[in-house]
Amino acid sequence: MKRKIGFIGLGIMGRPMAKNLLKAGYPLVVFDLNKDAIGELVRAGAIAASSSKEVAERTEVIITMLPDSPEVKEVIMGKDGVMEGVKPGSVVIDMSSINPLMSQEIEKELKKKGVEMLDAPVSGGEPGAIQGTLAIMVGGQDKVFKECIEILKDMGKNIVRVGEIGAGGFTKLVNQIIVALNIAAVGEAFTLGVKAGLDPQTVYQAIRGGLAGSAVLDAKAPMIFERNFKPGFKVKLHLKDLNNALSTGKALGVPLPLSSFIQQIFVSLIVENRGEEDHSALATFFEKMGRAEIK
């Protein structure tokens, strides 16, 4: 019999991830502040809860997929939170992208209640969440990881335990730096190409099979060409990740000059009220400087 799973956080990523668990046959109890999101999952076969506490009371494995550290801390450790309802022997899997030090703090508190934790942030955006092909980087005890691997397999494709608790979050910061710099490179390079009179689609076809090819290029270049900035991953969330990377770099004594530069570009997009757009909108910064549009 499949374990009963609780899912808290039904946003752009959480909603399709939860649906994939339902398709895999897991009994699912869900909660979100967005009642419409809960309704959508209930229609798909989930059971609604009225609080994070109730989710924990009714399930064995609790998954959280939330925007940032404060939300995760509140949902797990706050009033009517997971810790008020969770049973010893349960497992909390936080799949949010948060400060790894916060994951370590939360795990210490959960252990006092006899509860295990994995931090398991993801990469792949909304398309990966829908298709169940997310890359999942997991921190936590190997025994707990092995107990939960089948659940993770129903949401992702490339699933790797990278170390103890917090290691998943550190790995996600590495991932987010590389993705941000990749998108910036695409924006800067294609602005040059357009300014030189080249057709961006033709350039894309010419370079995608070579060393410049990447998953980021394939996912984001078509969106930029079509001026489609509907969020698969929002500007404001990538800014949050780079903020976490920079604070972690400072704590560890690691200079991150390129990350700092891209972080400031994301800040400029926030100032323009573009925080809800897809992070591929980063390319528009370079378009403005070059007075050209990549389309």
Protein backbone atom coordinates (compact mmCIF):
# COMPACT_ATOMS: atom_id res chain seq x y z
CA MET A 1 0.00 0.00 0.00
CA LYS A 2 1.36 3.43 -0.99
CA ARG A 3 2.23 5.88 1.75
CA LYS A 4 -0.16 8.76 2.39
CA ILE A 5 1.43 12.00 1.26
CA GLY A 6 0.73 15.58 2.26
CA PHE A 7 1.57 18.39 -0.15
CA ILE A 8 1.81 22.03 0.95
CA GLY A 9 2.36 24.72 -1.69
CA LEU A 10 0.40 24.47 -4.92
CA GLY A 11 1.98 27.17 -7.06
CA ILE A 12 3.43 27.03 -10.57
CA MET A 13 5.66 24.10 -9.62
CA GLY A 14 3.79 22.48 -6.75
CA ARG A 15 0.51 22.02 -8.57
CA PRO A 16 1.80 19.79 -11.39
CA MET A 17 4.14 17.96 -9.00
CA ALA A 18 1.19 17.10 -6.76
CA LYS A 19 -0.85 15.98 -9.78
CA ASN A 20 1.94 13.60 -10.79
CA LEU A 21 1.78 12.00 -7.34
CA LEU A 22 -1.96 11.54 -7.77
CA LYS A 23 -1.41 9.93 -11.18
CA ALA A 24 1.07 7.56 -9.54
CA GLY A 25 -1.67 6.42 -7.17
CA TYR A 26 -0.64 8.07 -3.91
CA PRO A 27 -3.38 9.16 -1.47
CA LEU A 28 -2.78 12.93 -1.29
CA VAL A 29 -3.81 15.57 1.27
CA VAL A 30 -3.16 19.15 0.12
CA PHE A 31 -3.08 22.67 1.53
CA ASP A 32 -2.38 26.11 0.09
CA LEU A 33 -3.50 29.66 0.86
CA ASN A 34 -4.92 29.75 -2.69
CA LYS A 35 -8.34 28.08 -2.45
CA ASP A 36 -8.61 27.79 -6.24
CA ALA A 37 -5.40 25.75 -6.32
CA ILE A 38 -6.78 23.43 -3.61
CA GLY A 39 -10.02 23.08 -5.59
CA GLU A 40 -8.13 22.08 -8.72
CA LEU A 41 -6.28 19.33 -6.86
CA VAL A 42 -9.45 18.11 -5.15
CA ARG A 43 -11.09 17.74 -8.56
CA ALA A 44 -8.06 15.67 -9.58
CA GLY A 45 -8.58 13.34 -6.61
CA ALA A 46 -6.79 14.93 -3.62
CA ILE A 47 -8.25 15.57 -0.18
CA ALA A 48 -8.29 19.17 1.08
CA ALA A 49 -6.88 20.17 4.48
CA SER A 50 -7.58 23.40 6.33
CA SER A 51 -4.03 23.92 7.61
CA SER A 52 -0.47 22.62 7.46
CA LYS A 53 -1.07 21.07 10.87
CA GLU A 54 -3.97 19.03 9.49
CA VAL A 55 -1.87 17.88 6.53
CA ALA A 56 0.75 16.55 8.96
CA GLU A 57 -1.88 14.87 11.16
CA ARG A 58 -3.34 12.94 8.23
CA THR A 59 -0.19 11.85 6.37
CA GLU A 60 3.16 10.04 6.73
CA VAL A 61 5.27 12.01 4.26
CA ILE A 62 4.85 15.79 4.07
CA ILE A 63 6.17 17.63 1.00
CA THR A 64 6.56 21.41 0.98
CA MET A 65 7.05 23.50 -2.18
CA LEU A 66 7.14 27.14 -1.13
CA PRO A 67 8.71 30.44 -2.29
CA ASP A 68 11.47 31.06 0.29
CA SER A 69 12.95 30.41 3.72
CA PRO A 70 10.44 32.48 5.77
CA GLU A 71 7.46 30.65 4.24
CA VAL A 72 9.01 27.22 4.83
CA LYS A 73 9.85 28.09 8.43
CA GLU A 74 6.33 29.41 9.05
CA VAL A 75 4.60 26.40 7.47
CA ILE A 76 6.72 23.87 9.38
CA MET A 77 7.46 25.62 12.68
CA GLY A 78 4.76 28.32 12.95
CA LYS A 79 1.23 28.38 14.37
CA ASP A 80 -0.92 25.57 12.94
CA GLY A 81 2.23 24.34 11.24
CA VAL A 82 3.51 20.89 10.42
CA MET A 83 5.30 20.45 13.76
CA GLU A 84 2.03 20.85 15.67
CA GLY A 85 0.49 17.88 13.89
CA VAL A 86 3.32 15.66 12.72
CA LYS A 87 3.71 12.13 14.11
CA PRO A 88 7.00 10.48 15.09
CA GLY A 89 8.34 8.39 12.22
CA SER A 90 7.06 10.79 9.57
CA VAL A 91 9.28 12.38 6.93
CA VAL A 92 9.28 16.00 5.78
CA ILE A 93 10.63 16.60 2.26
CA ASP A 94 11.17 20.28 1.56
CA MET A 95 11.43 20.76 -2.20
CA SER A 96 11.56 24.56 -2.00
CA SER A 97 14.70 26.49 -2.89
CA ILE A 98 15.72 28.09 0.39
CA ASN A 99 18.82 29.02 2.37
CA PRO A 100 20.54 25.70 3.19
CA LEU A 101 21.29 26.92 6.72
CA MET A 102 17.53 27.24 7.29
CA SER A 103 17.08 23.60 6.19
CA GLN A 104 19.63 22.54 8.79
CA GLU A 105 17.86 24.57 11.49
CA ILE A 106 14.46 23.08 10.66
CA GLU A 107 15.84 19.53 10.59
CA LYS A 108 17.20 19.92 14.14
CA GLU A 109 13.75 20.90 15.40
CA LEU A 110 12.02 18.06 13.55
CA LYS A 111 14.45 15.51 14.97
CA LYS A 112 13.31 16.48 18.48
CA LYS A 113 9.88 15.13 17.49
CA GLY A 114 11.28 11.96 15.96
CA VAL A 115 10.75 13.22 12.41
CA GLU A 116 13.26 12.86 9.55
CA MET A 117 13.84 15.47 6.84
CA LEU A 118 15.21 15.72 3.33
CA ASP A 119 15.95 18.99 1.54
CA ALA A 120 15.26 18.29 -2.12
CA PRO A 121 15.14 21.40 -4.33
CA VAL A 122 14.42 20.94 -8.02
CA SER A 123 15.42 22.27 -11.41
CA GLY A 124 13.54 22.07 -14.68
CA GLY A 125 10.89 24.76 -14.33
CA GLU A 126 7.19 24.35 -15.00
CA PRO A 127 7.71 22.10 -18.07
CA GLY A 128 9.77 19.67 -15.99
CA ALA A 129 7.20 19.75 -13.19
CA ILE A 130 4.38 18.97 -15.63
CA GLN A 131 6.28 16.20 -17.43
CA GLY A 132 7.70 14.69 -14.23
CA THR A 133 11.26 15.13 -15.49
CA LEU A 134 12.66 17.45 -12.82
CA ALA A 135 16.24 17.24 -11.65
CA ILE A 136 16.06 16.71 -7.89
CA MET A 137 19.12 17.33 -5.71
CA VAL A 138 18.68 15.77 -2.28
CA GLY A 139 20.32 16.36 1.07
CA GLY A 140 19.71 14.11 4.08
CA GLN A 141 20.46 10.68 5.51
CA ASP A 142 20.98 7.93 2.94
CA LYS A 143 18.49 5.65 4.71
CA VAL A 144 15.72 8.26 4.49
CA PHE A 145 16.62 9.03 0.87
CA LYS A 146 16.26 5.36 -0.08
CA GLU A 147 12.90 5.17 1.71
CA CYS A 148 11.60 8.14 -0.32
CA ILE A 149 13.26 7.58 -3.70
CA GLU A 150 10.15 6.03 -5.31
CA ILE A 151 8.09 9.09 -4.36
CA LEU A 152 10.71 11.40 -5.85
CA LYS A 153 10.83 9.31 -9.04
CA ASP A 154 7.19 10.17 -9.71
CA MET A 155 8.11 13.87 -9.87
CA GLY A 156 11.59 13.81 -11.36
CA LYS A 157 13.98 12.00 -13.62
CA ASN A 158 17.52 12.86 -12.48
CA ILE A 159 17.52 12.29 -8.71
CA VAL A 160 20.83 12.45 -6.85
CA ARG A 161 21.60 12.44 -3.14
CA VAL A 162 24.38 15.00 -2.84
CA GLY A 163 25.12 14.80 0.89
CA GLU A 164 23.66 15.46 4.33
CA ILE A 165 20.88 17.92 5.11
CA GLY A 166 21.49 21.29 3.45
CA ALA A 167 23.53 19.76 0.63
CA GLY A 168 20.50 19.82 -1.65
CA GLY A 169 20.14 23.55 -1.10
CA PHE A 170 23.83 24.22 -1.66
CA THR A 171 23.67 22.26 -4.92
CA LYS A 172 20.61 24.24 -6.01
CA LEU A 173 22.56 27.48 -5.50
CA VAL A 174 25.27 26.13 -7.80
CA ASN A 175 22.55 25.28 -10.33
CA GLN A 176 20.92 28.70 -10.13
CA ILE A 177 24.18 30.57 -10.64
CA ILE A 178 24.86 28.56 -13.81
CA VAL A 179 21.30 29.05 -15.12
CA ALA A 180 21.36 32.80 -14.47
CA LEU A 181 24.71 33.28 -16.18
CA ASN A 182 23.52 31.13 -19.10
CA ILE A 183 20.42 33.26 -19.67
CA ALA A 184 22.51 36.42 -19.44
CA ALA A 185 24.95 35.03 -22.02
CA VAL A 186 22.05 34.19 -24.36
CA GLY A 187 20.65 37.71 -24.00
CA GLU A 188 23.98 39.45 -24.54
CA ALA A 189 25.10 37.25 -27.44
CA PHE A 190 21.83 37.33 -29.37
CA THR A 191 21.59 41.10 -28.96
CA LEU A 192 24.94 41.29 -30.73
CA GLY A 193 23.70 38.94 -33.44
CA VAL A 194 20.51 40.90 -34.07
CA LYS A 195 22.42 44.17 -34.13
CA ALA A 196 24.67 42.63 -36.80
CA GLY A 197 21.60 41.91 -38.91
CA LEU A 198 21.36 38.18 -38.24
CA ASP A 199 18.14 36.21 -37.84
CA PRO A 200 18.12 34.85 -34.26
CA GLN A 201 16.27 31.66 -35.21
CA THR A 202 18.92 30.84 -37.82
CA VAL A 203 21.74 31.61 -35.39
CA TYR A 204 20.06 29.39 -32.80
CA GLN A 205 19.86 26.45 -35.22
CA ALA A 206 23.49 26.99 -36.20
CA ILE A 207 24.91 26.95 -32.66
CA ARG A 208 22.63 24.69 -30.61
CA GLY A 209 24.44 21.50 -31.67
CA GLY A 210 27.87 22.87 -30.78
CA LEU A 211 29.61 23.73 -27.54
CA ALA A 212 27.31 26.72 -26.96
CA GLY A 213 24.30 24.42 -26.89
CA SER A 214 22.62 23.88 -23.52
CA ALA A 215 19.32 23.04 -21.87
CA VAL A 216 19.00 26.72 -21.00
CA LEU A 217 19.53 27.77 -24.62
CA ASP A 218 16.89 25.29 -25.83
CA ALA A 219 14.37 26.27 -23.16
CA LYS A 220 14.81 30.04 -23.08
CA ALA A 221 15.91 31.21 -26.54
CA PRO A 222 12.54 30.34 -28.17
CA MET A 223 10.71 32.19 -25.38
CA ILE A 224 12.85 35.28 -25.95
CA PHE A 225 12.33 35.14 -29.73
CA GLU A 226 8.55 34.89 -29.27
CA ARG A 227 8.49 37.59 -26.55
CA ASN A 228 6.83 35.03 -24.32
CA PHE A 229 7.71 35.85 -20.73
CA LYS A 230 4.91 33.85 -19.13
CA PRO A 231 6.61 32.47 -16.03
CA GLY A 232 7.95 28.97 -15.85
CA PHE A 233 10.26 30.36 -13.17
CA LYS A 234 9.74 33.93 -12.00
CA VAL A 235 12.29 36.75 -11.98
CA LYS A 236 11.58 37.43 -8.30
CA LEU A 237 12.30 33.81 -7.36
CA HIS A 238 15.59 33.71 -9.25
CA LEU A 239 16.56 36.95 -7.52
CA LYS A 240 15.82 35.26 -4.21
CA ASP A 241 18.08 32.34 -5.16
CA LEU A 242 20.95 34.64 -6.12
CA ASN A 243 20.49 36.56 -2.85
CA ASN A 244 20.87 33.25 -1.02
CA ALA A 245 23.91 32.38 -3.14
CA LEU A 246 25.58 35.70 -2.38
CA SER A 247 24.91 35.49 1.37
CA THR A 248 26.23 31.91 1.36
CA GLY A 249 29.29 33.00 -0.62
CA LYS A 250 29.95 35.72 1.92
CA ALA A 251 29.62 33.26 4.81
CA LEU A 252 32.00 30.79 3.15
CA GLY A 253 34.48 33.40 1.92
CA VAL A 254 33.78 32.77 -1.79
CA PRO A 255 33.69 35.84 -4.10
CA LEU A 256 30.84 35.62 -6.64
CA PRO A 257 31.40 38.64 -8.91
CA LEU A 258 29.40 37.38 -11.90
CA SER A 259 26.49 36.32 -9.70
CA SER A 260 26.54 39.75 -8.08
CA PHE A 261 26.29 41.46 -11.48
CA ILE A 262 23.35 39.30 -12.61
CA GLN A 263 21.66 39.81 -9.23
CA GLN A 264 21.71 43.55 -9.87
CA ILE A 265 20.15 43.05 -13.31
CA PHE A 266 17.34 41.06 -11.69
CA VAL A 267 16.90 43.94 -9.22
CA SER A 268 16.49 46.31 -12.17
CA LEU A 269 13.72 44.09 -13.55
CA ILE A 270 11.98 44.13 -10.17
CA VAL A 271 12.14 47.95 -10.20
CA GLU A 272 10.40 47.81 -13.61
CA ASN A 273 7.61 45.69 -12.01
CA ARG A 274 8.66 42.61 -13.97
CA GLY A 275 9.18 40.31 -11.00
CA GLU A 276 6.30 38.04 -12.02
CA GLU A 277 7.73 37.42 -15.50
CA ASP A 278 9.84 34.45 -16.54
CA HIS A 279 13.54 34.77 -15.75
CA SER A 280 14.25 34.73 -19.48
CA ALA A 281 13.23 38.41 -19.32
CA LEU A 282 16.83 38.90 -18.17
CA ALA A 283 17.66 39.14 -21.88
CA THR A 284 15.70 42.39 -22.19
CA PHE A 285 18.33 44.17 -20.09
CA PHE A 286 20.90 43.55 -22.82
CA GLU A 287 18.40 44.47 -25.54
CA LYS A 288 17.89 47.87 -23.94
CA MET A 289 21.60 48.52 -23.74
CA GLY A 290 22.09 47.47 -27.36
CA ARG A 291 18.88 49.09 -28.60
CA ALA A 292 17.83 45.93 -30.37
CA GLU A 293 15.08 43.34 -29.91
CA ILE A 294 15.76 39.63 -30.19
CA LYS A 295 12.86 38.43 -32.33
